[in-house]
Protein backbone atom coordinates (compact mmCIF):
# COMPACT_ATOMS: atom_id res chain seq x y z
CA MET A 1 36.20 -121.58 58.53
CA ARG A 2 33.57 -122.33 61.10
CA TYR A 3 32.02 -125.77 61.02
CA LEU A 4 28.89 -127.70 61.92
CA ARG A 5 28.40 -131.34 62.75
CA ASN A 6 25.63 -133.21 60.99
CA LEU A 7 25.49 -136.80 62.19
CA SER A 8 22.33 -137.78 60.31
CA THR A 9 22.56 -140.48 57.64
CA ASP A 10 19.00 -139.90 56.38
CA VAL A 11 19.20 -138.58 52.82
CA TYR A 12 16.02 -136.46 53.01
CA PHE A 13 17.08 -134.78 56.24
CA ASN A 14 20.50 -134.10 54.73
CA MET A 15 19.03 -132.55 51.58
CA ALA A 16 16.96 -130.29 53.84
CA PHE A 17 20.03 -129.53 55.96
CA ASP A 18 21.84 -128.17 52.91
CA GLU A 19 18.91 -125.95 51.93
CA TYR A 20 18.53 -124.65 55.47
CA ALA A 21 22.25 -123.91 55.80
CA LEU A 22 22.25 -122.00 52.52
CA GLU A 23 19.10 -119.98 53.08
CA GLN A 24 18.70 -119.50 56.82
CA LEU A 25 21.86 -119.96 58.87
CA PRO A 26 23.61 -116.78 60.07
CA LEU A 27 26.86 -116.37 58.16
CA ASP A 28 29.58 -114.07 59.49
CA GLU A 29 32.24 -116.17 57.75
CA PRO A 30 32.19 -119.30 55.57
CA LEU A 31 31.28 -122.55 57.29
CA PHE A 32 31.49 -126.20 56.35
CA TYR A 33 30.23 -129.55 57.51
CA LEU A 34 30.90 -133.18 56.63
CA TRP A 35 28.07 -135.70 56.39
CA GLN A 36 27.08 -139.14 55.17
CA ASN A 37 24.04 -140.92 53.75
CA ARG A 38 22.94 -144.49 54.04
CA SER A 39 22.66 -146.15 50.62
CA ALA A 40 21.03 -143.59 48.33
CA VAL A 41 21.02 -142.16 44.84
CA ILE A 42 20.82 -138.36 44.64
CA ILE A 43 19.89 -136.79 41.32
CA GLY A 44 20.45 -133.19 40.26
CA ILE A 45 17.61 -130.68 40.42
CA ASN A 46 17.19 -130.65 36.64
CA GLN A 47 17.38 -134.39 35.95
CA ASP A 48 14.78 -136.91 34.86
CA ILE A 49 14.73 -139.64 37.50
CA HIS A 50 13.72 -142.36 35.03
CA ALA A 51 16.67 -141.60 32.75
CA GLU A 52 19.24 -141.63 35.56
CA VAL A 53 18.28 -144.30 38.10
CA ASN A 54 17.54 -148.01 37.92
CA LEU A 55 14.49 -147.65 40.15
CA ASP A 56 13.75 -151.36 40.32
CA TYR A 57 17.27 -152.14 41.47
CA ALA A 58 17.06 -149.33 44.03
CA ARG A 59 13.79 -150.67 45.40
CA GLN A 60 15.03 -154.26 45.58
CA HIS A 61 18.19 -153.23 47.45
CA ASN A 62 16.64 -150.65 49.80
CA ILE A 63 18.47 -147.76 48.17
CA SER A 64 16.73 -144.44 48.77
CA VAL A 65 16.30 -142.01 45.88
CA ALA A 66 16.39 -138.25 46.44
CA ARG A 67 16.62 -134.99 44.50
CA ARG A 68 18.97 -132.24 45.65
CA ILE A 69 18.77 -128.46 45.16
CA THR A 70 21.86 -128.22 42.96
CA GLY A 71 22.51 -129.14 39.35
CA GLY A 72 24.90 -131.74 38.01
CA GLY A 73 24.51 -135.48 37.61
CA ALA A 74 23.26 -138.43 39.63
CA VAL A 75 25.53 -139.82 42.36
CA TYR A 76 25.48 -142.89 44.57
CA HIS A 77 26.16 -142.56 48.30
CA ASP A 78 26.72 -145.14 50.99
CA LEU A 79 28.58 -145.11 54.30
CA GLY A 80 31.85 -145.48 52.39
CA ASN A 81 31.27 -142.02 50.97
CA LEU A 82 31.97 -138.74 52.79
CA ASN A 83 30.14 -135.61 51.70
CA TYR A 84 31.08 -132.00 52.31
CA THR A 85 29.19 -128.71 52.16
CA ILE A 86 30.71 -125.22 52.23
CA VAL A 87 28.47 -122.16 52.58
CA GLY A 88 29.41 -118.50 52.58
CA ARG A 89 28.56 -115.05 51.32
CA SER A 90 29.80 -113.89 47.97
CA ALA A 91 29.83 -110.67 45.96
CA ASP A 92 31.03 -112.43 42.81
CA MET A 93 29.67 -115.94 42.39
CA GLU A 94 31.65 -116.75 39.25
CA ARG A 95 34.91 -115.79 40.95
CA ASP A 96 34.19 -117.37 44.32
CA TYR A 97 32.76 -120.69 43.10
CA PRO A 98 36.17 -122.11 42.04
CA GLU A 99 37.70 -120.80 45.26
CA TYR A 100 35.13 -122.65 47.35
CA ALA A 101 35.79 -125.82 45.36
CA ARG A 102 39.52 -125.48 45.99
CA TYR A 103 39.04 -125.69 49.77
CA MET A 104 38.54 -129.46 49.46
CA LEU A 105 41.17 -129.80 46.75
CA HIS A 106 43.80 -128.24 49.01
CA ALA A 107 42.67 -130.37 51.96
CA LEU A 108 43.18 -133.55 49.93
CA GLN A 109 46.57 -132.33 48.73
CA ALA A 110 47.56 -131.67 52.34
CA LEU A 111 46.89 -135.36 53.01
CA GLY A 112 49.38 -136.27 50.31
CA ILE A 113 46.91 -136.98 47.49
CA ARG A 114 47.80 -135.68 44.02
CA ALA A 115 44.33 -134.34 43.36
CA GLU A 116 43.39 -131.87 40.64
CA LEU A 117 40.30 -130.02 39.46
CA SER A 118 38.94 -131.11 36.11
CA GLY A 119 36.12 -130.02 33.82
CA ARG A 120 33.06 -128.35 35.29
CA ASN A 121 32.90 -130.03 38.65
CA ASP A 122 35.21 -132.98 39.23
CA ILE A 123 38.23 -133.71 41.39
CA LEU A 124 40.49 -136.34 39.85
CA VAL A 125 43.35 -138.51 41.08
CA ASP A 126 45.43 -140.19 38.39
CA GLY A 127 42.81 -139.24 35.86
CA ARG A 128 39.92 -140.89 37.72
CA LYS A 129 37.11 -139.22 39.61
CA VAL A 130 37.15 -139.20 43.42
CA SER A 131 34.80 -136.26 43.92
CA GLY A 132 32.05 -134.42 42.12
CA TYR A 133 30.70 -131.12 43.35
CA ALA A 134 27.88 -128.72 42.54
CA LYS A 135 26.76 -125.22 43.51
CA ARG A 136 23.66 -123.25 44.42
CA VAL A 137 23.19 -119.48 44.81
CA TYR A 138 20.67 -117.88 47.16
CA LYS A 139 20.67 -114.06 47.23
CA ASP A 140 24.24 -113.14 48.21
CA ARG A 141 25.03 -116.65 49.46
CA LEU A 142 26.88 -119.45 47.72
CA MET A 143 26.90 -123.15 48.57
CA VAL A 144 29.27 -125.76 47.15
CA HIS A 145 28.75 -129.38 48.11
CA GLY A 146 30.23 -132.61 46.88
CA THR A 147 31.21 -136.21 47.41
CA LEU A 148 34.42 -137.94 48.46
CA MET A 149 34.53 -141.62 47.59
CA TYR A 150 36.61 -143.28 50.29
CA ASP A 151 35.40 -146.89 50.14
CA VAL A 152 32.16 -146.83 48.13
CA ASP A 153 30.57 -150.07 46.91
CA LEU A 154 31.43 -149.61 43.22
CA GLU A 155 29.42 -152.66 42.17
CA GLN A 156 26.30 -151.16 43.70
CA LEU A 157 27.12 -147.79 42.15
CA THR A 158 27.34 -149.20 38.63
CA ARG A 159 24.10 -151.15 38.94
CA VAL A 160 21.85 -148.48 40.39
CA LEU A 161 22.96 -145.60 38.18
CA THR A 162 21.65 -145.61 34.64
CA PRO A 163 23.88 -143.21 32.72
CA SER A 164 22.87 -141.80 29.37
CA VAL A 165 24.03 -143.36 26.14
CA GLN A 166 26.11 -140.26 25.44
CA LYS A 167 27.99 -140.64 28.73
CA LEU A 168 28.55 -144.33 28.22
CA GLU A 169 29.67 -143.90 24.61
CA SER A 170 28.35 -147.39 23.93
CA LYS A 171 30.90 -148.95 26.28
CA GLY A 172 28.35 -150.46 28.64
CA ILE A 173 28.04 -150.26 32.39
CA ALA A 174 31.72 -151.01 33.03
CA SER A 175 32.64 -147.57 31.71
CA VAL A 176 31.04 -145.95 34.76
CA ARG A 177 33.21 -147.96 37.09
CA SER A 178 36.37 -147.25 35.07
CA ARG A 179 35.93 -143.51 35.57
CA VAL A 180 35.72 -143.54 39.38
CA LEU A 181 38.17 -144.29 42.17
CA ASN A 182 38.06 -144.91 45.90
CA LEU A 183 40.47 -142.80 47.96
CA ARG A 184 41.16 -145.60 50.41
CA GLU A 185 43.97 -147.06 48.28
CA TYR A 186 45.67 -143.63 48.18
CA LEU A 187 45.47 -143.07 51.95
CA PRO A 188 47.28 -145.98 53.59
CA GLY A 189 47.88 -143.85 56.68
CA VAL A 190 44.15 -143.14 57.14
CA ALA A 191 42.61 -146.17 58.80
CA SER A 192 38.92 -145.39 58.29
CA ILE A 193 36.45 -142.94 56.88
CA ASP A 194 36.05 -141.48 60.37
CA ALA A 195 39.78 -140.80 60.47
CA LEU A 196 39.51 -139.10 57.08
CA ALA A 197 36.67 -136.93 58.35
CA GLN A 198 38.69 -135.91 61.41
CA ALA A 199 41.72 -135.02 59.29
CA LEU A 200 39.65 -132.93 56.88
CA GLU A 201 37.83 -131.22 59.72
CA ARG A 202 41.12 -130.24 61.35
CA TYR A 203 42.52 -128.87 58.10
CA LEU A 204 39.42 -126.92 57.01
CA SER A 205 38.86 -125.41 60.45
CA CYS A 206 42.57 -124.57 60.73
CA GLN A 207 42.50 -126.60 63.97
CA TYR A 208 40.48 -123.95 65.84
CA GLN A 209 38.14 -126.24 67.68
CA ASP A 210 36.20 -123.35 69.23
CA LYS A 211 34.79 -122.52 65.80
CA GLU A 212 32.12 -125.23 65.96
CA VAL A 213 28.55 -123.99 65.42
CA ALA A 214 25.79 -125.88 67.24
CA LEU A 215 22.23 -125.87 65.96
CA THR A 216 19.35 -125.48 68.40
CA GLU A 217 16.57 -128.03 68.71
CA ASN A 218 14.20 -125.55 67.05
CA GLN A 219 16.53 -125.29 64.05
CA LEU A 220 16.79 -129.06 63.81
CA GLU A 221 13.00 -129.32 63.95
CA GLU A 222 12.74 -126.83 61.08
CA ILE A 223 15.08 -129.00 59.05
CA ARG A 224 13.04 -132.12 59.82
CA SER A 225 9.92 -130.25 58.70
CA ILE A 226 11.54 -129.25 55.39
CA ALA A 227 12.58 -132.88 54.84
CA ALA A 228 9.04 -134.14 55.44
CA LYS A 229 7.19 -131.45 53.49
CA LYS A 230 9.55 -131.16 50.54
CA PHE A 231 12.46 -133.51 50.02
CA SER A 232 10.74 -136.81 50.85
CA THR A 233 7.61 -136.07 48.78
CA SER A 234 6.76 -137.66 45.44
CA ASP A 235 6.05 -134.23 43.98
CA TRP A 236 9.63 -133.05 44.63
CA LEU A 237 11.19 -136.33 43.53
CA TYR A 238 9.13 -137.03 40.40
CA GLY A 239 7.33 -133.78 39.64
CA ARG A 240 10.37 -132.02 38.24
CA SER A 241 10.92 -134.68 35.61
CA PRO A 242 10.23 -133.31 32.10
CA SER A 243 7.24 -134.42 30.07
CA HIS A 244 8.13 -137.33 27.84
CA ALA A 245 6.70 -140.32 26.01
CA VAL A 246 7.79 -143.93 26.25
CA THR A 247 6.87 -146.78 23.93
CA TYR A 248 7.75 -150.41 24.62
CA THR A 249 6.88 -153.57 22.70
CA LYS A 250 7.40 -157.03 24.12
CA ARG A 251 6.43 -160.57 23.21
CA LEU A 252 4.46 -162.10 26.09
CA PRO A 253 2.72 -165.51 26.28
CA CYS A 254 -0.51 -163.76 25.28
CA GLY A 255 1.06 -162.22 22.14
CA ASN A 256 2.79 -158.96 21.21
CA VAL A 257 1.99 -156.07 23.55
CA THR A 258 2.91 -152.43 22.87
CA ILE A 259 2.74 -149.90 25.70
CA HIS A 260 2.68 -146.16 24.95
CA LEU A 261 2.75 -143.73 27.88
CA ASP A 262 2.68 -139.93 27.89
CA ILE A 263 4.22 -138.83 31.17
CA LYS A 264 3.94 -135.31 32.57
CA ARG A 265 5.66 -134.26 35.80
CA GLY A 266 6.19 -137.91 36.68
CA VAL A 267 2.52 -138.85 36.25
CA ILE A 268 0.95 -140.95 33.46
CA ASP A 269 -1.19 -138.54 31.46
CA GLN A 270 -2.21 -140.87 28.64
CA CYS A 271 -1.87 -144.62 28.19
CA SER A 272 -2.53 -146.92 25.23
CA ILE A 273 -2.01 -150.70 25.12
CA THR A 274 -2.11 -152.30 21.69
CA GLY A 275 -1.03 -155.53 20.00
CA ASP A 276 -2.16 -158.95 18.81
CA PHE A 277 -2.50 -160.30 22.34
CA LEU A 278 -5.36 -162.45 23.62
CA GLY A 279 -7.47 -161.76 26.70
CA ASN A 280 -10.98 -162.14 28.06
CA THR A 281 -11.77 -158.46 28.66
CA PRO A 282 -11.07 -155.27 26.65
CA ILE A 283 -7.89 -153.56 27.88
CA THR A 284 -9.40 -150.06 27.76
CA SER A 285 -10.38 -150.13 31.44
CA VAL A 286 -6.73 -150.70 32.41
CA GLU A 287 -5.67 -147.81 30.17
CA LEU A 288 -8.08 -145.49 31.96
CA LEU A 289 -7.07 -146.82 35.37
CA LEU A 290 -3.40 -145.98 34.77
CA GLN A 291 -4.10 -142.38 33.84
CA GLY A 292 -3.19 -140.05 36.69
CA CYS A 293 -0.96 -142.62 38.39
CA LEU A 294 2.58 -141.78 39.43
CA TYR A 295 5.02 -143.53 37.08
CA GLU A 296 6.65 -145.49 39.89
CA ARG A 297 6.46 -149.19 40.67
CA THR A 298 4.89 -149.04 44.14
CA ALA A 299 2.25 -146.54 42.98
CA LEU A 300 1.39 -148.73 39.99
CA GLN A 301 1.17 -151.84 42.16
CA GLN A 302 -1.27 -150.04 44.44
CA ARG A 303 -3.31 -148.75 41.49
CA LEU A 304 -3.64 -152.28 40.09
CA VAL A 305 -4.12 -154.11 43.40
CA ALA A 306 -7.78 -154.93 42.65
CA VAL A 307 -7.05 -155.87 39.02
CA ASP A 308 -6.28 -159.37 37.77
CA MET A 309 -4.28 -158.86 34.61
CA HIS A 310 -5.01 -162.43 33.52
CA ASP A 311 -8.45 -161.12 32.55
CA TYR A 312 -6.89 -158.74 30.04
CA LEU A 313 -3.67 -160.47 28.96
CA ASP A 314 -3.68 -164.27 28.91
CA TYR A 315 -1.00 -165.90 31.06
CA THR A 316 0.22 -162.50 32.31
CA ASP A 317 0.18 -161.55 35.98
CA ASN A 318 0.31 -158.04 37.45
CA GLU A 319 4.04 -158.11 38.10
CA ALA A 320 4.83 -159.08 34.50
CA PHE A 321 2.60 -156.28 33.27
CA ILE A 322 4.28 -153.70 35.51
CA ASN A 323 7.66 -154.92 34.28
CA LEU A 324 6.44 -154.23 30.76
CA LEU A 325 5.60 -150.64 31.76
CA PHE A 326 9.30 -150.16 32.56
CA ASN A 327 10.57 -152.23 29.60
CA LEU A 328 11.91 -154.97 31.90
């Protein structure tokens, strides 16, 4: 296979890079590239961000949140994680998808790892997940991309991902960590993630170093433009979330407060605040103010910047009220 080098660690640029490679790069044979992100959570194209990510934890720990163009579940990336993308043409997507996934499987096996494909889209070692991958089709092109956990911060991973109750099976957050594995302990002869990348690159390119494809500055600028206009926007990140309603009740110093929000495409469509709480001013003006606001902490803080919640809820500041909106 031919290969590219993508040295960016910016998650939005890298999401755009994948889309550009799939849709616009000339393809006379399959190509691959390896890449990394700084701390980030990447959700699948069909997922609800609020159901998958602990957004407050992400904000507090400077973890970026992005949405990719493929399906599948949410994943955590940091610089201990190595990602791969393989793009090629295909006449039979159902037949070629497993073959594309096996490229990385065989590469890991060549390094002495007893890896195996499992389920829809996982690579396992000793029954634990070291890689998840996903696909996207564009015309007669097929892209498979995935993760390789070499030395990922598993504590951070478990805290920032908020898996569904069905996935957890009521076992709590530790069950996420029990299902995943870092490759580092299985590669004693590979001193670093850079060494792993070099070994994989040699294997996948069949050691033909003249097969490297270099992008022009114009192509890189196109990718940066896609990142800015699509992948880093609130509309792309939140707008694909399904319509849903949330209702939270909490006992605050002012009394019981119940929040009901109807959320459409990541934006608060309707808001009602009820309860036996005490305050100086009717809460209806806050309800109206929240309508049309992105259901995201920074956006809500900005919307309420000129509001003193003590006027509406005794002994309750703005931060406590925003926490209530997220059931914190």
